[in-house]
Amino acid sequence: MFKISVVENPSQRRLVVEGKLVSPWTEEMEAAWRRAAQELDGRKLIVDLANVTVIGPDAESTLLRLMREGAKFSCCGVLTRHVLKQLARRWRAGHSPCSQ
């Protein structure tokens, strides 16, 4: 199962990703992020990974690419937070990829 929802409010646009983040869904997530990044009108764009159950190797590459392009992430699981922190270390030391 894989699902992406867009939740909007006056201060942010949130991409809520659910299920297994593996190929071919990584391409869909990246495309959804690019669409959501358009016309933000000063709002934050957050990728919510709280309901992701699996992050495949190809998804790690996609998340790293989005991180380099300025994506901010919200997550609550220990594994997801660990994966994001490891990716941030690969990108540059001391960067926190998670937002509140």
C-alpha atoms as a PDB file:
ATOM      1  CA  MET A   1       0.000   0.000   0.000  1.00  0.00           C
ATOM      2  CA  PHE A   2       1.144   3.548  -0.756  1.00  0.00           C
ATOM      3  CA  LYS A   3      -0.702   6.840  -0.477  1.00  0.00           C
ATOM      4  CA  ILE A   4       0.145  10.543  -0.667  1.00  0.00           C
ATOM      5  CA  SER A   5      -2.284  13.186   0.588  1.00  0.00           C
ATOM      6  CA  VAL A   6      -1.902  16.953   0.491  1.00  0.00           C
ATOM      7  CA  VAL A   7      -3.101  18.832   3.566  1.00  0.00           C
ATOM      8  CA  GLU A   8      -3.111  22.610   3.391  1.00  0.00           C
ATOM      9  CA  ASN A   9      -3.588  25.415   5.873  1.00  0.00           C
ATOM     10  CA  PRO A  10      -2.631  29.112   5.831  1.00  0.00           C
ATOM     11  CA  SER A  11       0.918  28.477   7.120  1.00  0.00           C
ATOM     12  CA  GLN A  12       1.935  25.208   5.446  1.00  0.00           C
ATOM     13  CA  ARG A  13       1.340  22.592   2.800  1.00  0.00           C
ATOM     14  CA  ARG A  14       1.939  19.062   4.072  1.00  0.00           C
ATOM     15  CA  LEU A  15       2.530  15.967   1.966  1.00  0.00           C
ATOM     16  CA  VAL A  16       1.367  13.043   4.072  1.00  0.00           C
ATOM     17  CA  VAL A  17       3.086   9.870   2.861  1.00  0.00           C
ATOM     18  CA  GLU A  18       1.713   6.512   4.021  1.00  0.00           C
ATOM     19  CA  GLY A  19       2.778   2.924   3.496  1.00  0.00           C
ATOM     20  CA  LYS A  20       5.843   1.443   1.842  1.00  0.00           C
ATOM     21  CA  LEU A  21       8.196   3.991   0.315  1.00  0.00           C
ATOM     22  CA  VAL A  22       9.854   1.762  -2.287  1.00  0.00           C
ATOM     23  CA  SER A  23      10.224   1.781  -6.065  1.00  0.00           C
ATOM     24  CA  PRO A  24       8.170   2.718  -8.105  1.00  0.00           C
ATOM     25  CA  TRP A  25       6.475   4.887  -5.463  1.00  0.00           C
ATOM     26  CA  THR A  26       9.640   6.900  -4.839  1.00  0.00           C
ATOM     27  CA  GLU A  27       9.246   8.538  -8.253  1.00  0.00           C
ATOM     28  CA  GLU A  28       5.627   9.382  -7.453  1.00  0.00           C
ATOM     29  CA  MET A  29       6.615  10.914  -4.118  1.00  0.00           C
ATOM     30  CA  GLU A  30       9.302  13.039  -5.758  1.00  0.00           C
ATOM     31  CA  ALA A  31       6.852  14.227  -8.431  1.00  0.00           C
ATOM     32  CA  ALA A  32       4.257  15.049  -5.742  1.00  0.00           C
ATOM     33  CA  TRP A  33       6.878  17.055  -3.812  1.00  0.00           C
ATOM     34  CA  ARG A  34       7.783  19.032  -6.934  1.00  0.00           C
ATOM     35  CA  ARG A  35       4.107  19.797  -7.660  1.00  0.00           C
ATOM     36  CA  ALA A  36       3.499  20.780  -4.035  1.00  0.00           C
ATOM     37  CA  ALA A  37       6.551  23.070  -4.025  1.00  0.00           C
ATOM     38  CA  GLN A  38       4.916  25.267  -6.643  1.00  0.00           C
ATOM     39  CA  GLU A  39       2.908  28.317  -5.572  1.00  0.00           C
ATOM     40  CA  LEU A  40       3.517  28.050  -1.836  1.00  0.00           C
ATOM     41  CA  ASP A  41       2.854  31.789  -1.336  1.00  0.00           C
ATOM     42  CA  GLY A  42       5.215  31.940   1.655  1.00  0.00           C
ATOM     43  CA  ARG A  43       3.972  28.737   3.297  1.00  0.00           C
ATOM     44  CA  LYS A  44       6.252  25.939   4.492  1.00  0.00           C
ATOM     45  CA  LEU A  45       6.300  22.634   2.635  1.00  0.00           C
ATOM     46  CA  ILE A  46       6.599  19.619   4.932  1.00  0.00           C
ATOM     47  CA  VAL A  47       6.919  15.957   3.916  1.00  0.00           C
ATOM     48  CA  ASP A  48       5.197  13.957   6.673  1.00  0.00           C
ATOM     49  CA  LEU A  49       6.718  10.472   6.936  1.00  0.00           C
ATOM     50  CA  ALA A  50       5.044   9.513  10.233  1.00  0.00           C
ATOM     51  CA  ASN A  51       2.983   6.763   8.586  1.00  0.00           C
ATOM     52  CA  VAL A  52       5.705   5.287   6.386  1.00  0.00           C
ATOM     53  CA  THR A  53       6.266   1.633   7.247  1.00  0.00           C
ATOM     54  CA  VAL A  54       9.234   0.806   4.968  1.00  0.00           C
ATOM     55  CA  ILE A  55      11.964   2.967   3.425  1.00  0.00           C
ATOM     56  CA  GLY A  56      13.767   1.147   0.630  1.00  0.00           C
ATOM     57  CA  PRO A  57      17.293   1.911  -0.618  1.00  0.00           C
ATOM     58  CA  ASP A  58      15.962   3.787  -3.653  1.00  0.00           C
ATOM     59  CA  ALA A  59      13.747   5.835  -1.312  1.00  0.00           C
ATOM     60  CA  GLU A  60      16.817   6.834   0.681  1.00  0.00           C
ATOM     61  CA  SER A  61      18.339   8.240  -2.502  1.00  0.00           C
ATOM     62  CA  THR A  62      15.132  10.124  -3.267  1.00  0.00           C
ATOM     63  CA  LEU A  63      14.897  11.532   0.270  1.00  0.00           C
ATOM     64  CA  LEU A  64      18.536  12.633   0.123  1.00  0.00           C
ATOM     65  CA  ARG A  65      17.926  14.382  -3.198  1.00  0.00           C
ATOM     66  CA  LEU A  66      14.856  16.181  -1.801  1.00  0.00           C
ATOM     67  CA  MET A  67      16.787  17.094   1.345  1.00  0.00           C
ATOM     68  CA  ARG A  68      19.499  18.683  -0.799  1.00  0.00           C
ATOM     69  CA  GLU A  69      16.791  20.670  -2.588  1.00  0.00           C
ATOM     70  CA  GLY A  70      15.434  22.016   0.699  1.00  0.00           C
ATOM     71  CA  ALA A  71      12.726  19.540   1.693  1.00  0.00           C
ATOM     72  CA  LYS A  72      11.722  19.527   5.356  1.00  0.00           C
ATOM     73  CA  PHE A  73      10.449  16.363   6.972  1.00  0.00           C
ATOM     74  CA  SER A  74       8.161  15.481   9.833  1.00  0.00           C
ATOM     75  CA  CYS A  75       8.498  12.042  11.375  1.00  0.00           C
ATOM     76  CA  CYS A  76       7.841  10.315  14.664  1.00  0.00           C
ATOM     77  CA  GLY A  77       9.110   6.763  14.327  1.00  0.00           C
ATOM     78  CA  VAL A  78      12.538   5.801  15.613  1.00  0.00           C
ATOM     79  CA  LEU A  79      13.517   4.069  12.374  1.00  0.00           C
ATOM     80  CA  THR A  80      12.342   6.909  10.123  1.00  0.00           C
ATOM     81  CA  ARG A  81      14.083   9.513  12.268  1.00  0.00           C
ATOM     82  CA  HIS A  82      17.269   7.399  12.217  1.00  0.00           C
ATOM     83  CA  VAL A  83      17.189   7.090   8.408  1.00  0.00           C
ATOM     84  CA  LEU A  84      16.708  10.859   8.002  1.00  0.00           C
ATOM     85  CA  LYS A  85      19.526  11.647  10.412  1.00  0.00           C
ATOM     86  CA  GLN A  86      21.861   9.256   8.580  1.00  0.00           C
ATOM     87  CA  LEU A  87      20.955  10.919   5.275  1.00  0.00           C
ATOM     88  CA  ALA A  88      21.572  14.352   6.786  1.00  0.00           C
ATOM     89  CA  ARG A  89      25.011  13.202   7.939  1.00  0.00           C
ATOM     90  CA  ARG A  90      25.780  12.096   4.399  1.00  0.00           C
ATOM     91  CA  TRP A  91      24.691  15.494   3.142  1.00  0.00           C
ATOM     92  CA  ARG A  92      26.430  17.657   5.742  1.00  0.00           C
ATOM     93  CA  ALA A  93      27.212  17.347   9.425  1.00  0.00           C
ATOM     94  CA  GLY A  94      24.918  19.014  11.911  1.00  0.00           C
ATOM     95  CA  HIS A  95      21.900  19.493   9.609  1.00  0.00           C
ATOM     96  CA  SER A  96      18.529  18.550  11.066  1.00  0.00           C
ATOM     97  CA  PRO A  97      16.139  17.295   8.369  1.00  0.00           C
ATOM     98  CA  CYS A  98      13.125  17.102  10.684  1.00  0.00           C
ATOM     99  CA  SER A  99      10.828  19.972  11.464  1.00  0.00           C
ATOM    100  CA  GLN A 100       8.178  20.274  14.123  1.00  0.00           C
END
